[in-house]
Amino acid sequence: MDGRGQRICNEDLYGATTADRVTEAGGRAFLILDEKLMREARAEARPGKMPWHQWLPARLFLHASSSRAGDPASLAQRCGFDSAALKHTLDSYNTGAAAGRDFLGKAEQYLQPLGPGPYYAIDISVHNTRVPCPAITLGGLVVDEDSGAVLDEKGGAIGGLYAAGRNAVGICSHSYISGLSLADCVFSGRRAARSVASAAAQSAAAPIDKKAEAVDVA
């Protein structure tokens, strides 16, 4: 949910999609859990359960970036939410979850009403100073589509500079989905390598300019 205590997306979205929603909502967001969900999250965020680059931030979020309160009003006060908005959000979600439906489209198998408390609010805000926000760039550099050469601001090729992978091309220009960059890397890497090899061959075959080699020592 956002900084006002309102849900901004369903909680089973892909991570990059969730990040999009958080950014669009102003960058401030929290994940609300009850005691049962918090115990399950702590059990899952253990070494060996997931890769270290996922385990480490998960532990930081759970232990260094979460607030606990016994009821929605106290949690709202602790986190700066509007208490009425938070209560309405929780009541609305619980009613839908109990009926097996969610107005934001959360899959039924993940719907679980939150218990009576205590509640936890995990700060997943973009500007959270306790847990640095990992990020990747999207879009990349402008390149010549035939060679992969990087273009300058005037559209001219920068000599000897090529780009490959997500730096140069990508299906995911608006959001990121793991794995879709593999074919992009293979294609653009081969394109750049062929261009470099072709330029090297042309340079080796070019006649030597004797005048250019002359050195003025006078």
N, C-alpha and C. Protein backbone atom coordinates (compact mmCIF):
# COMPACT_ATOMS: atom_id res chain seq x y z
N MET A 1 0.84 -1.19 0.00
CA MET A 1 0.00 0.00 0.00
C MET A 1 0.88 1.25 0.00
N ASP A 2 0.27 2.36 -0.38
CA ASP A 2 1.04 3.61 -0.47
C ASP A 2 1.13 4.28 0.89
N GLY A 3 1.70 5.47 0.91
CA GLY A 3 1.91 6.19 2.16
C GLY A 3 0.64 6.70 2.80
N ARG A 4 -0.50 6.57 2.10
CA ARG A 4 -1.79 6.99 2.67
C ARG A 4 -2.58 5.82 3.24
N GLY A 5 -2.02 4.61 3.11
CA GLY A 5 -2.73 3.45 3.64
C GLY A 5 -3.68 2.81 2.66
N GLN A 6 -3.49 3.04 1.36
CA GLN A 6 -4.36 2.47 0.34
C GLN A 6 -3.57 1.50 -0.52
N ARG A 7 -4.18 0.38 -0.88
CA ARG A 7 -3.50 -0.60 -1.73
C ARG A 7 -3.27 -0.03 -3.13
N ILE A 8 -2.10 -0.33 -3.69
CA ILE A 8 -1.77 0.17 -5.02
C ILE A 8 -1.64 -0.95 -6.04
N CYS A 9 -1.60 -2.21 -5.58
CA CYS A 9 -1.51 -3.35 -6.49
C CYS A 9 -1.78 -4.61 -5.71
N ASN A 10 -2.00 -5.72 -6.44
CA ASN A 10 -2.10 -6.98 -5.72
C ASN A 10 -0.68 -7.47 -5.39
N GLU A 11 -0.58 -8.26 -4.34
CA GLU A 11 0.74 -8.58 -3.78
C GLU A 11 1.43 -9.77 -4.44
N ASP A 12 0.82 -10.35 -5.47
CA ASP A 12 1.49 -11.48 -6.14
C ASP A 12 2.07 -11.07 -7.49
N LEU A 13 2.16 -9.78 -7.74
CA LEU A 13 2.76 -9.30 -8.99
C LEU A 13 4.26 -9.59 -9.02
N TYR A 14 4.79 -9.65 -10.24
CA TYR A 14 6.24 -9.77 -10.40
C TYR A 14 6.91 -8.55 -9.77
N GLY A 15 8.10 -8.76 -9.21
CA GLY A 15 8.77 -7.70 -8.46
C GLY A 15 8.94 -6.40 -9.22
N ALA A 16 9.34 -6.49 -10.48
CA ALA A 16 9.55 -5.26 -11.27
C ALA A 16 8.24 -4.54 -11.51
N THR A 17 7.15 -5.29 -11.67
CA THR A 17 5.84 -4.67 -11.87
C THR A 17 5.39 -3.97 -10.59
N THR A 18 5.64 -4.61 -9.45
CA THR A 18 5.33 -3.97 -8.18
C THR A 18 6.12 -2.68 -8.03
N ALA A 19 7.40 -2.72 -8.40
CA ALA A 19 8.24 -1.52 -8.32
C ALA A 19 7.68 -0.40 -9.18
N ASP A 20 7.15 -0.74 -10.35
CA ASP A 20 6.52 0.25 -11.20
C ASP A 20 5.36 0.93 -10.47
N ARG A 21 4.53 0.12 -9.83
CA ARG A 21 3.36 0.66 -9.10
C ARG A 21 3.81 1.55 -7.95
N VAL A 22 4.84 1.11 -7.25
CA VAL A 22 5.35 1.90 -6.12
C VAL A 22 5.87 3.25 -6.61
N THR A 23 6.63 3.23 -7.70
CA THR A 23 7.18 4.47 -8.25
C THR A 23 6.07 5.41 -8.71
N GLU A 24 5.07 4.85 -9.38
CA GLU A 24 3.95 5.66 -9.86
C GLU A 24 3.14 6.25 -8.71
N ALA A 25 3.18 5.59 -7.55
CA ALA A 25 2.43 6.07 -6.39
C ALA A 25 3.23 7.06 -5.55
N GLY A 26 4.39 7.47 -6.03
CA GLY A 26 5.19 8.46 -5.33
C GLY A 26 6.41 7.91 -4.64
N GLY A 27 6.62 6.59 -4.71
CA GLY A 27 7.84 5.99 -4.17
C GLY A 27 7.74 5.52 -2.74
N ARG A 28 6.66 5.85 -2.03
CA ARG A 28 6.51 5.42 -0.63
C ARG A 28 5.50 4.28 -0.57
N ALA A 29 5.90 3.14 0.02
CA ALA A 29 5.01 1.98 0.04
C ALA A 29 5.36 1.05 1.19
N PHE A 30 4.36 0.28 1.61
CA PHE A 30 4.53 -0.65 2.72
C PHE A 30 3.80 -1.95 2.41
N LEU A 31 4.34 -3.04 2.95
CA LEU A 31 3.70 -4.34 2.86
C LEU A 31 3.19 -4.69 4.25
N ILE A 32 1.88 -4.98 4.37
CA ILE A 32 1.26 -5.25 5.66
C ILE A 32 1.11 -6.76 5.86
N LEU A 33 1.58 -7.26 7.00
CA LEU A 33 1.50 -8.67 7.33
C LEU A 33 0.92 -8.84 8.74
N ASP A 34 0.30 -9.99 8.97
CA ASP A 34 -0.10 -10.33 10.34
C ASP A 34 0.97 -11.24 10.94
N GLU A 35 0.74 -11.70 12.16
CA GLU A 35 1.76 -12.51 12.85
C GLU A 35 2.06 -13.80 12.10
N LYS A 36 1.02 -14.45 11.56
CA LYS A 36 1.21 -15.71 10.86
C LYS A 36 2.06 -15.52 9.61
N LEU A 37 1.76 -14.51 8.81
CA LEU A 37 2.53 -14.25 7.60
C LEU A 37 3.97 -13.85 7.92
N MET A 38 4.15 -13.11 9.02
CA MET A 38 5.50 -12.70 9.39
C MET A 38 6.34 -13.91 9.78
N ARG A 39 5.76 -14.86 10.51
CA ARG A 39 6.50 -16.07 10.87
C ARG A 39 6.88 -16.86 9.62
N GLU A 40 5.95 -16.95 8.67
CA GLU A 40 6.22 -17.67 7.43
C GLU A 40 7.32 -16.98 6.64
N ALA A 41 7.28 -15.65 6.59
CA ALA A 41 8.30 -14.89 5.85
C ALA A 41 9.68 -15.09 6.46
N ARG A 42 9.77 -15.06 7.79
CA ARG A 42 11.05 -15.26 8.45
C ARG A 42 11.60 -16.67 8.20
N ALA A 43 10.69 -17.64 8.15
CA ALA A 43 11.12 -19.01 7.90
C ALA A 43 11.64 -19.18 6.48
N GLU A 44 11.05 -18.47 5.55
CA GLU A 44 11.47 -18.56 4.15
C GLU A 44 12.77 -17.81 3.89
N ALA A 45 12.99 -16.72 4.62
CA ALA A 45 14.17 -15.87 4.39
C ALA A 45 15.35 -16.36 5.22
N ARG A 46 15.72 -17.60 5.01
CA ARG A 46 16.86 -18.18 5.70
C ARG A 46 17.91 -18.60 4.68
N PRO A 47 19.19 -18.64 5.10
CA PRO A 47 20.24 -19.10 4.17
C PRO A 47 19.92 -20.51 3.67
N GLY A 48 20.07 -20.71 2.39
CA GLY A 48 19.77 -21.99 1.79
C GLY A 48 18.39 -22.08 1.20
N LYS A 49 17.50 -21.20 1.65
CA LYS A 49 16.13 -21.19 1.12
C LYS A 49 16.06 -20.42 -0.19
N MET A 50 16.96 -19.47 -0.38
CA MET A 50 16.98 -18.64 -1.58
C MET A 50 18.39 -18.14 -1.81
N PRO A 51 18.73 -17.66 -3.03
CA PRO A 51 20.07 -17.13 -3.29
C PRO A 51 20.38 -15.96 -2.35
N TRP A 52 21.68 -15.76 -2.07
CA TRP A 52 22.08 -14.75 -1.09
C TRP A 52 21.61 -13.35 -1.47
N HIS A 53 21.58 -13.06 -2.81
CA HIS A 53 21.19 -11.70 -3.21
C HIS A 53 19.71 -11.46 -3.00
N GLN A 54 18.93 -12.51 -2.74
CA GLN A 54 17.54 -12.36 -2.35
C GLN A 54 17.38 -12.50 -0.84
N TRP A 55 18.17 -13.41 -0.27
CA TRP A 55 18.09 -13.64 1.17
C TRP A 55 18.50 -12.41 1.97
N LEU A 56 19.59 -11.77 1.60
CA LEU A 56 20.11 -10.65 2.38
C LEU A 56 19.12 -9.48 2.45
N PRO A 57 18.62 -8.96 1.32
CA PRO A 57 17.65 -7.86 1.44
C PRO A 57 16.37 -8.28 2.16
N ALA A 58 15.96 -9.54 1.99
CA ALA A 58 14.75 -10.01 2.69
C ALA A 58 14.94 -9.92 4.20
N ARG A 59 16.10 -10.35 4.69
CA ARG A 59 16.37 -10.28 6.12
C ARG A 59 16.44 -8.83 6.60
N LEU A 60 17.02 -7.97 5.79
CA LEU A 60 17.09 -6.55 6.17
C LEU A 60 15.69 -5.96 6.27
N PHE A 61 14.84 -6.28 5.30
CA PHE A 61 13.47 -5.77 5.34
C PHE A 61 12.73 -6.27 6.59
N LEU A 62 12.87 -7.55 6.88
CA LEU A 62 12.12 -8.15 7.98
C LEU A 62 12.60 -7.66 9.34
N HIS A 63 13.90 -7.42 9.50
CA HIS A 63 14.45 -7.11 10.81
C HIS A 63 14.81 -5.64 11.01
N ALA A 64 15.15 -4.94 9.93
CA ALA A 64 15.60 -3.56 10.08
C ALA A 64 14.64 -2.54 9.50
N SER A 65 13.61 -3.02 8.84
CA SER A 65 12.73 -2.07 8.15
C SER A 65 11.26 -2.41 8.34
N SER A 66 10.91 -2.94 9.51
CA SER A 66 9.51 -3.27 9.77
C SER A 66 9.05 -2.64 11.09
N SER A 67 7.79 -2.26 11.12
CA SER A 67 7.19 -1.69 12.33
C SER A 67 6.09 -2.64 12.81
N ARG A 68 5.91 -2.75 14.12
CA ARG A 68 4.93 -3.67 14.70
C ARG A 68 3.96 -2.90 15.59
N ALA A 69 2.69 -3.27 15.51
CA ALA A 69 1.67 -2.66 16.35
C ALA A 69 0.54 -3.66 16.57
N GLY A 70 -0.18 -3.48 17.65
CA GLY A 70 -1.21 -4.44 18.00
C GLY A 70 -2.51 -4.29 17.25
N ASP A 71 -2.76 -3.11 16.68
CA ASP A 71 -4.02 -2.87 15.98
C ASP A 71 -3.78 -1.89 14.84
N PRO A 72 -4.73 -1.80 13.88
CA PRO A 72 -4.54 -0.92 12.72
C PRO A 72 -4.33 0.54 13.10
N ALA A 73 -5.03 1.03 14.10
CA ALA A 73 -4.89 2.44 14.46
C ALA A 73 -3.49 2.74 14.96
N SER A 74 -2.93 1.84 15.77
CA SER A 74 -1.57 2.05 16.30
C SER A 74 -0.54 1.93 15.18
N LEU A 75 -0.78 1.01 14.24
CA LEU A 75 0.15 0.85 13.12
C LEU A 75 0.11 2.09 12.23
N ALA A 76 -1.09 2.63 12.02
CA ALA A 76 -1.23 3.83 11.21
C ALA A 76 -0.47 5.00 11.84
N GLN A 77 -0.58 5.13 13.14
CA GLN A 77 0.11 6.22 13.83
C GLN A 77 1.62 6.04 13.74
N ARG A 78 2.08 4.80 13.88
CA ARG A 78 3.51 4.52 13.84
C ARG A 78 4.11 4.82 12.46
N CYS A 79 3.34 4.53 11.40
CA CYS A 79 3.86 4.66 10.03
C CYS A 79 3.42 5.95 9.33
N GLY A 80 2.55 6.72 9.95
CA GLY A 80 2.10 7.96 9.33
C GLY A 80 0.97 7.79 8.34
N PHE A 81 0.19 6.68 8.46
CA PHE A 81 -0.97 6.48 7.61
C PHE A 81 -2.17 7.23 8.18
N ASP A 82 -3.16 7.43 7.33
CA ASP A 82 -4.47 7.85 7.81
C ASP A 82 -5.15 6.61 8.39
N SER A 83 -5.52 6.65 9.67
CA SER A 83 -6.03 5.45 10.34
C SER A 83 -7.32 4.95 9.72
N ALA A 84 -8.20 5.86 9.32
CA ALA A 84 -9.47 5.45 8.69
C ALA A 84 -9.20 4.77 7.35
N ALA A 85 -8.25 5.30 6.60
CA ALA A 85 -7.92 4.72 5.29
C ALA A 85 -7.33 3.33 5.45
N LEU A 86 -6.45 3.16 6.43
CA LEU A 86 -5.84 1.85 6.66
C LEU A 86 -6.89 0.84 7.10
N LYS A 87 -7.78 1.23 8.01
CA LYS A 87 -8.84 0.31 8.46
C LYS A 87 -9.73 -0.10 7.30
N HIS A 88 -10.09 0.87 6.45
CA HIS A 88 -10.93 0.56 5.29
C HIS A 88 -10.21 -0.39 4.34
N THR A 89 -8.91 -0.17 4.14
CA THR A 89 -8.12 -1.03 3.25
C THR A 89 -8.09 -2.46 3.77
N LEU A 90 -7.80 -2.62 5.06
CA LEU A 90 -7.73 -3.96 5.65
C LEU A 90 -9.08 -4.65 5.64
N ASP A 91 -10.14 -3.91 5.99
CA ASP A 91 -11.48 -4.50 6.01
C ASP A 91 -11.90 -4.93 4.61
N SER A 92 -11.62 -4.09 3.63
CA SER A 92 -11.99 -4.41 2.24
C SER A 92 -11.25 -5.63 1.74
N TYR A 93 -9.95 -5.69 2.05
CA TYR A 93 -9.16 -6.83 1.61
C TYR A 93 -9.64 -8.11 2.29
N ASN A 94 -9.86 -8.06 3.59
CA ASN A 94 -10.27 -9.25 4.33
C ASN A 94 -11.63 -9.76 3.87
N THR A 95 -12.53 -8.86 3.57
CA THR A 95 -13.85 -9.27 3.08
C THR A 95 -13.72 -10.01 1.76
N GLY A 96 -12.93 -9.46 0.85
CA GLY A 96 -12.72 -10.10 -0.44
C GLY A 96 -11.98 -11.42 -0.32
N ALA A 97 -10.95 -11.45 0.52
CA ALA A 97 -10.16 -12.67 0.70
C ALA A 97 -11.02 -13.80 1.26
N ALA A 98 -11.89 -13.47 2.20
CA ALA A 98 -12.76 -14.48 2.79
C ALA A 98 -13.72 -15.06 1.75
N ALA A 99 -14.07 -14.23 0.76
CA ALA A 99 -14.98 -14.67 -0.30
C ALA A 99 -14.24 -15.24 -1.51
N GLY A 100 -12.91 -15.23 -1.47
CA GLY A 100 -12.12 -15.78 -2.56
C GLY A 100 -12.01 -14.88 -3.77
N ARG A 101 -12.09 -13.57 -3.55
CA ARG A 101 -11.96 -12.64 -4.68
C ARG A 101 -11.22 -11.38 -4.22
N ASP A 102 -10.61 -10.72 -5.20
CA ASP A 102 -9.85 -9.50 -4.89
C ASP A 102 -10.05 -8.51 -6.02
N PHE A 103 -10.43 -7.29 -5.70
CA PHE A 103 -10.74 -6.31 -6.75
C PHE A 103 -9.50 -5.86 -7.51
N LEU A 104 -8.29 -6.16 -6.97
CA LEU A 104 -7.05 -5.84 -7.69
C LEU A 104 -6.48 -7.06 -8.43
N GLY A 105 -7.21 -8.18 -8.39
CA GLY A 105 -6.82 -9.32 -9.19
C GLY A 105 -5.83 -10.28 -8.57
N LYS A 106 -5.67 -10.27 -7.26
CA LYS A 106 -4.75 -11.22 -6.62
C LYS A 106 -5.27 -12.64 -6.80
N ALA A 107 -4.36 -13.55 -7.16
CA ALA A 107 -4.75 -14.94 -7.42
C ALA A 107 -5.39 -15.55 -6.18
N GLU A 108 -6.42 -16.36 -6.38
CA GLU A 108 -7.18 -16.90 -5.27
C GLU A 108 -6.33 -17.71 -4.32
N GLN A 109 -5.34 -18.46 -4.85
CA GLN A 109 -4.52 -19.31 -3.97
C GLN A 109 -3.65 -18.50 -3.02
N TYR A 110 -3.48 -17.20 -3.30
CA TYR A 110 -2.67 -16.36 -2.42
C TYR A 110 -3.52 -15.49 -1.50
N LEU A 111 -4.83 -15.55 -1.66
CA LEU A 111 -5.70 -14.74 -0.82
C LEU A 111 -5.78 -15.34 0.58
N GLN A 112 -5.47 -14.53 1.57
CA GLN A 112 -5.52 -14.98 2.95
C GLN A 112 -5.90 -13.80 3.83
N PRO A 113 -7.06 -13.85 4.49
CA PRO A 113 -7.44 -12.74 5.37
C PRO A 113 -6.40 -12.51 6.45
N LEU A 114 -6.14 -11.26 6.78
CA LEU A 114 -5.20 -10.94 7.84
C LEU A 114 -5.88 -11.15 9.18
N GLY A 115 -5.14 -11.70 10.14
CA GLY A 115 -5.69 -12.00 11.45
C GLY A 115 -5.93 -10.75 12.28
N PRO A 116 -6.30 -10.94 13.55
CA PRO A 116 -6.66 -9.81 14.41
C PRO A 116 -5.46 -8.99 14.90
N GLY A 117 -4.25 -9.41 14.62
CA GLY A 117 -3.07 -8.67 15.06
C GLY A 117 -2.21 -9.53 15.97
N PRO A 118 -0.99 -9.11 16.26
CA PRO A 118 -0.40 -7.83 15.85
C PRO A 118 -0.14 -7.76 14.35
N TYR A 119 0.09 -6.54 13.88
CA TYR A 119 0.35 -6.30 12.46
C TYR A 119 1.75 -5.75 12.28
N TYR A 120 2.29 -6.00 11.10
CA TYR A 120 3.62 -5.51 10.74
C TYR A 120 3.52 -4.72 9.43
N ALA A 121 4.24 -3.62 9.37
CA ALA A 121 4.34 -2.82 8.15
C ALA A 121 5.80 -2.81 7.72
N ILE A 122 6.10 -3.45 6.59
CA ILE A 122 7.46 -3.48 6.07
C ILE A 122 7.63 -2.33 5.08
N ASP A 123 8.57 -1.47 5.36
CA ASP A 123 8.80 -0.29 4.51
C ASP A 123 9.57 -0.70 3.26
N ILE A 124 8.90 -0.70 2.11
CA ILE A 124 9.54 -1.04 0.84
C ILE A 124 9.66 0.20 -0.05
N SER A 125 9.71 1.36 0.58
CA SER A 125 9.78 2.62 -0.17
C SER A 125 11.08 2.73 -0.96
N VAL A 126 11.01 3.46 -2.06
CA VAL A 126 12.19 3.67 -2.91
C VAL A 126 13.31 4.36 -2.14
N HIS A 127 12.95 5.31 -1.28
CA HIS A 127 13.96 6.11 -0.59
C HIS A 127 14.21 5.61 0.84
N ASN A 128 13.91 4.35 1.10
CA ASN A 128 14.17 3.76 2.41
C ASN A 128 15.68 3.70 2.65
N THR A 129 16.18 4.44 3.63
CA THR A 129 17.62 4.51 3.87
C THR A 129 18.15 3.29 4.63
N ARG A 130 17.26 2.51 5.24
CA ARG A 130 17.71 1.33 5.99
C ARG A 130 17.98 0.14 5.08
N VAL A 131 17.28 0.09 3.97
CA VAL A 131 17.50 -0.99 2.99
C VAL A 131 17.65 -0.34 1.62
N PRO A 132 18.87 -0.26 1.09
CA PRO A 132 19.06 0.38 -0.23
C PRO A 132 18.21 -0.30 -1.29
N CYS A 133 17.65 0.51 -2.16
CA CYS A 133 16.76 0.00 -3.21
C CYS A 133 17.58 -0.43 -4.42
N PRO A 134 17.63 -1.74 -4.71
CA PRO A 134 18.36 -2.18 -5.92
C PRO A 134 17.60 -1.74 -7.16
N ALA A 135 18.31 -1.34 -8.18
CA ALA A 135 17.65 -0.85 -9.39
C ALA A 135 18.48 -1.17 -10.62
N ILE A 136 17.82 -1.25 -11.76
CA ILE A 136 18.50 -1.42 -13.03
C ILE A 136 17.95 -0.39 -14.01
N THR A 137 18.77 -0.03 -14.98
CA THR A 137 18.33 0.92 -16.00
C THR A 137 17.59 0.18 -17.11
N LEU A 138 16.68 0.87 -17.75
CA LEU A 138 15.95 0.32 -18.89
C LEU A 138 16.10 1.26 -20.08
N GLY A 139 16.15 0.72 -21.27
CA GLY A 139 16.23 1.56 -22.47
C GLY A 139 17.60 1.54 -23.10
N GLY A 140 18.63 1.80 -22.30
CA GLY A 140 19.98 1.69 -22.81
C GLY A 140 20.43 2.84 -23.69
N LEU A 141 21.52 2.60 -24.43
CA LEU A 141 22.13 3.59 -25.31
C LEU A 141 21.50 3.53 -26.69
N VAL A 142 21.61 4.61 -27.42
CA VAL A 142 21.16 4.64 -28.82
C VAL A 142 22.30 4.08 -29.67
N VAL A 143 22.01 3.06 -30.46
CA VAL A 143 23.04 2.43 -31.28
C VAL A 143 22.60 2.35 -32.74
N ASP A 144 23.59 2.18 -33.61
CA ASP A 144 23.31 1.91 -35.02
C ASP A 144 22.73 0.50 -35.11
N GLU A 145 21.57 0.36 -35.69
CA GLU A 145 20.88 -0.94 -35.69
C GLU A 145 21.56 -1.98 -36.58
N ASP A 146 22.44 -1.54 -37.47
CA ASP A 146 23.15 -2.50 -38.33
C ASP A 146 24.46 -2.98 -37.71
N SER A 147 25.09 -2.11 -36.92
CA SER A 147 26.42 -2.45 -36.41
C SER A 147 26.51 -2.56 -34.90
N GLY A 148 25.60 -1.93 -34.17
CA GLY A 148 25.71 -1.89 -32.72
C GLY A 148 26.60 -0.79 -32.22
N ALA A 149 27.12 0.06 -33.14
CA ALA A 149 27.97 1.18 -32.72
C ALA A 149 27.13 2.20 -31.95
N VAL A 150 27.68 2.71 -30.86
CA VAL A 150 26.99 3.71 -30.06
C VAL A 150 26.97 5.03 -30.81
N LEU A 151 25.81 5.69 -30.81
CA LEU A 151 25.66 6.96 -31.51
C LEU A 151 25.75 8.12 -30.54
N ASP A 152 26.30 9.23 -31.02
CA ASP A 152 26.37 10.43 -30.19
C ASP A 152 25.06 11.20 -30.29
N GLU A 153 25.02 12.38 -29.67
CA GLU A 153 23.78 13.15 -29.62
C GLU A 153 23.34 13.66 -31.00
N LYS A 154 24.27 13.67 -31.97
CA LYS A 154 23.92 14.10 -33.32
C LYS A 154 23.60 12.93 -34.24
N GLY A 155 23.65 11.72 -33.70
CA GLY A 155 23.33 10.55 -34.51
C GLY A 155 24.50 9.94 -35.22
N GLY A 156 25.71 10.40 -34.96
CA GLY A 156 26.90 9.84 -35.59
C GLY A 156 27.51 8.74 -34.74
N ALA A 157 28.15 7.76 -35.39
CA ALA A 157 28.76 6.66 -34.66
C ALA A 157 30.02 7.13 -33.94
N ILE A 158 30.19 6.70 -32.70
CA ILE A 158 31.38 7.01 -31.92
C ILE A 158 32.42 5.94 -32.23
N GLY A 159 33.53 6.34 -32.79
CA GLY A 159 34.54 5.40 -33.25
C GLY A 159 35.01 4.42 -32.20
N GLY A 160 34.93 3.12 -32.50
CA GLY A 160 35.45 2.09 -31.61
C GLY A 160 34.57 1.76 -30.42
N LEU A 161 33.39 2.39 -30.30
CA LEU A 161 32.53 2.14 -29.13
C LEU A 161 31.27 1.39 -29.58
N TYR A 162 31.09 0.20 -29.03
CA TYR A 162 29.93 -0.63 -29.36
C TYR A 162 29.20 -1.00 -28.06
N ALA A 163 27.94 -1.30 -28.19
CA ALA A 163 27.15 -1.71 -27.02
C ALA A 163 26.39 -2.99 -27.34
N ALA A 164 26.23 -3.83 -26.34
CA ALA A 164 25.52 -5.09 -26.52
C ALA A 164 24.66 -5.37 -25.29
N GLY A 165 23.77 -6.33 -25.41
CA GLY A 165 22.91 -6.69 -24.29
C GLY A 165 21.86 -5.62 -24.01
N ARG A 166 21.42 -5.56 -22.75
CA ARG A 166 20.36 -4.62 -22.39
C ARG A 166 20.81 -3.16 -22.54
N ASN A 167 22.13 -2.93 -22.65
CA ASN A 167 22.62 -1.58 -22.92
C ASN A 167 22.24 -1.10 -24.30
N ALA A 168 21.96 -2.04 -25.21
CA ALA A 168 21.79 -1.67 -26.61
C ALA A 168 20.41 -2.01 -27.17
N VAL A 169 19.79 -3.04 -26.67
CA VAL A 169 18.54 -3.50 -27.27
C VAL A 169 17.76 -4.28 -26.22
N GLY A 170 16.45 -4.33 -26.36
CA GLY A 170 15.69 -5.12 -25.40
C GLY A 170 14.20 -5.06 -25.64
N ILE A 171 13.55 -6.20 -25.47
CA ILE A 171 12.10 -6.24 -25.55
C ILE A 171 11.49 -5.47 -24.39
N CYS A 172 12.13 -5.58 -23.22
CA CYS A 172 11.59 -4.96 -22.00
C CYS A 172 12.02 -3.50 -21.92
N SER A 173 11.36 -2.65 -22.64
CA SER A 173 11.72 -1.24 -22.62
C SER A 173 10.96 -0.46 -21.55
N HIS A 174 9.88 -1.05 -21.01
CA HIS A 174 9.10 -0.36 -19.99
C HIS A 174 9.23 -1.03 -18.62
N SER A 175 9.37 -2.33 -18.62
CA SER A 175 9.53 -3.07 -17.37
C SER A 175 10.53 -4.20 -17.60
N TYR A 176 10.86 -4.93 -16.54
CA TYR A 176 11.88 -5.96 -16.63
C TYR A 176 11.29 -7.31 -16.27
N ILE A 177 11.61 -8.33 -17.07
CA ILE A 177 11.21 -9.69 -16.78
C ILE A 177 12.44 -10.58 -16.93
N SER A 178 12.78 -11.30 -15.88
CA SER A 178 13.99 -12.12 -15.89
C SER A 178 14.02 -13.07 -17.07
N GLY A 179 15.18 -13.19 -17.71
CA GLY A 179 15.36 -14.16 -18.78
C GLY A 179 15.15 -13.62 -20.17
N LEU A 180 14.36 -12.57 -20.32
CA LEU A 180 14.08 -12.08 -21.67
C LEU A 180 15.27 -11.37 -22.29
N SER A 181 16.31 -11.10 -21.52
CA SER A 181 17.48 -10.42 -22.09
C SER A 181 18.46 -11.39 -22.72
N LEU A 182 18.27 -12.70 -22.54
CA LEU A 182 19.25 -13.66 -23.04
C LEU A 182 19.38 -13.61 -24.56
N ALA A 183 18.25 -13.67 -25.27
CA ALA A 183 18.30 -13.61 -26.73
C ALA A 183 18.81 -12.25 -27.20
N ASP A 184 18.44 -11.18 -26.48
CA ASP A 184 18.95 -9.85 -26.82
C ASP A 184 20.47 -9.81 -26.75
N CYS A 185 21.03 -10.43 -25.71
CA CYS A 185 22.49 -10.44 -25.53
C CYS A 185 23.17 -11.20 -26.66
N VAL A 186 22.62 -12.37 -27.01
CA VAL A 186 23.23 -13.17 -28.07
C VAL A 186 23.20 -12.42 -29.40
N PHE A 187 22.04 -11.87 -29.73
CA PHE A 187 21.90 -11.15 -31.00
C PHE A 187 22.81 -9.94 -31.07
N SER A 188 22.71 -9.06 -30.07
CA SER A 188 23.47 -7.81 -30.13
C SER A 188 24.96 -8.03 -29.93
N GLY A 189 25.33 -9.06 -29.17
CA GLY A 189 26.75 -9.37 -29.00
C GLY A 189 27.38 -9.83 -30.30
N ARG A 190 26.67 -10.70 -31.03
CA ARG A 190 27.19 -11.15 -32.33
C ARG A 190 27.25 -9.99 -33.32
N ARG A 191 26.24 -9.12 -33.27
CA ARG A 191 26.23 -7.98 -34.17
C ARG A 191 27.44 -7.08 -33.93
N ALA A 192 27.71 -6.76 -32.68
CA ALA A 192 28.85 -5.90 -32.36
C ALA A 192 30.17 -6.59 -32.72
N ALA A 193 30.28 -7.89 -32.43
CA ALA A 193 31.52 -8.62 -32.71
C ALA A 193 31.80 -8.65 -34.21
N ARG A 194 30.78 -8.89 -35.01
CA ARG A 194 30.96 -8.91 -36.46
C ARG A 194 31.39 -7.54 -36.97
N SER A 195 30.83 -6.48 -36.39
CA SER A 195 31.19 -5.13 -36.82
C SER A 195 32.63 -4.81 -36.47
N VAL A 196 33.05 -5.21 -35.26
CA VAL A 196 34.44 -4.98 -34.85
C VAL A 196 35.39 -5.76 -35.75
N ALA A 197 35.06 -7.03 -36.02
CA ALA A 197 35.93 -7.86 -36.87
C ALA A 197 36.01 -7.30 -38.28
N SER A 198 34.87 -6.82 -38.80
CA SER A 198 34.85 -6.25 -40.15
C SER A 198 35.70 -4.99 -40.21
N ALA A 199 35.57 -4.12 -39.18
CA ALA A 199 36.36 -2.89 -39.15
C ALA A 199 37.85 -3.19 -39.04
N ALA A 200 38.21 -4.21 -38.28
CA ALA A 200 39.61 -4.59 -38.13
C ALA A 200 40.18 -5.13 -39.43
N ALA A 201 39.36 -5.92 -40.14
CA ALA A 201 39.81 -6.48 -41.41
C ALA A 201 40.01 -5.39 -42.44
N GLN A 202 39.10 -4.43 -42.49
CA GLN A 202 39.22 -3.31 -43.43
C GLN A 202 40.45 -2.46 -43.12
N SER A 203 40.72 -2.28 -41.83
CA SER A 203 41.88 -1.49 -41.43
C SER A 203 43.17 -2.20 -41.83
N ALA A 204 43.21 -3.52 -41.69
CA ALA A 204 44.41 -4.28 -42.02
C ALA A 204 44.65 -4.30 -43.52
N ALA A 205 43.57 -4.27 -44.31
CA ALA A 205 43.69 -4.33 -45.76
C ALA A 205 43.92 -2.98 -46.39
N ALA A 206 43.73 -1.90 -45.64
CA ALA A 206 43.87 -0.56 -46.20
C ALA A 206 45.33 -0.27 -46.55
N PRO A 207 45.61 0.38 -47.73
CA PRO A 207 46.99 0.72 -48.10
C PRO A 207 47.59 1.73 -47.14
N ILE A 208 48.89 1.61 -46.91
CA ILE A 208 49.57 2.51 -45.98
C ILE A 208 49.86 3.84 -46.68
N ASP A 209 49.50 4.92 -46.04
CA ASP A 209 49.76 6.25 -46.59
C ASP A 209 51.15 6.69 -46.14
N LYS A 210 52.11 6.65 -47.09
CA LYS A 210 53.50 6.99 -46.76
C LYS A 210 53.63 8.42 -46.27
N LYS A 211 52.82 9.32 -46.87
CA LYS A 211 52.89 10.73 -46.46
C LYS A 211 52.45 10.87 -45.01
N ALA A 212 51.43 10.11 -44.62
CA ALA A 212 50.93 10.22 -43.25
C ALA A 212 51.96 9.72 -42.25
N GLU A 213 52.89 8.83 -42.73
CA GLU A 213 53.88 8.29 -41.81
C GLU A 213 55.09 9.20 -41.66
N ALA A 214 55.22 10.18 -42.55
CA ALA A 214 56.38 11.07 -42.49
C ALA A 214 56.34 11.89 -41.22
N VAL A 215 57.51 12.07 -40.61
CA VAL A 215 57.61 12.82 -39.37
C VAL A 215 58.47 14.06 -39.63
N ASP A 216 57.93 15.19 -39.25
CA ASP A 216 58.65 16.44 -39.43
C ASP A 216 59.58 16.64 -38.25
N VAL A 217 60.89 16.56 -38.51
CA VAL A 217 61.86 16.71 -37.41
C VAL A 217 62.62 18.01 -37.53
N ALA A 218 62.21 18.86 -38.43
CA ALA A 218 62.93 20.12 -38.61
C ALA A 218 62.65 21.05 -37.44
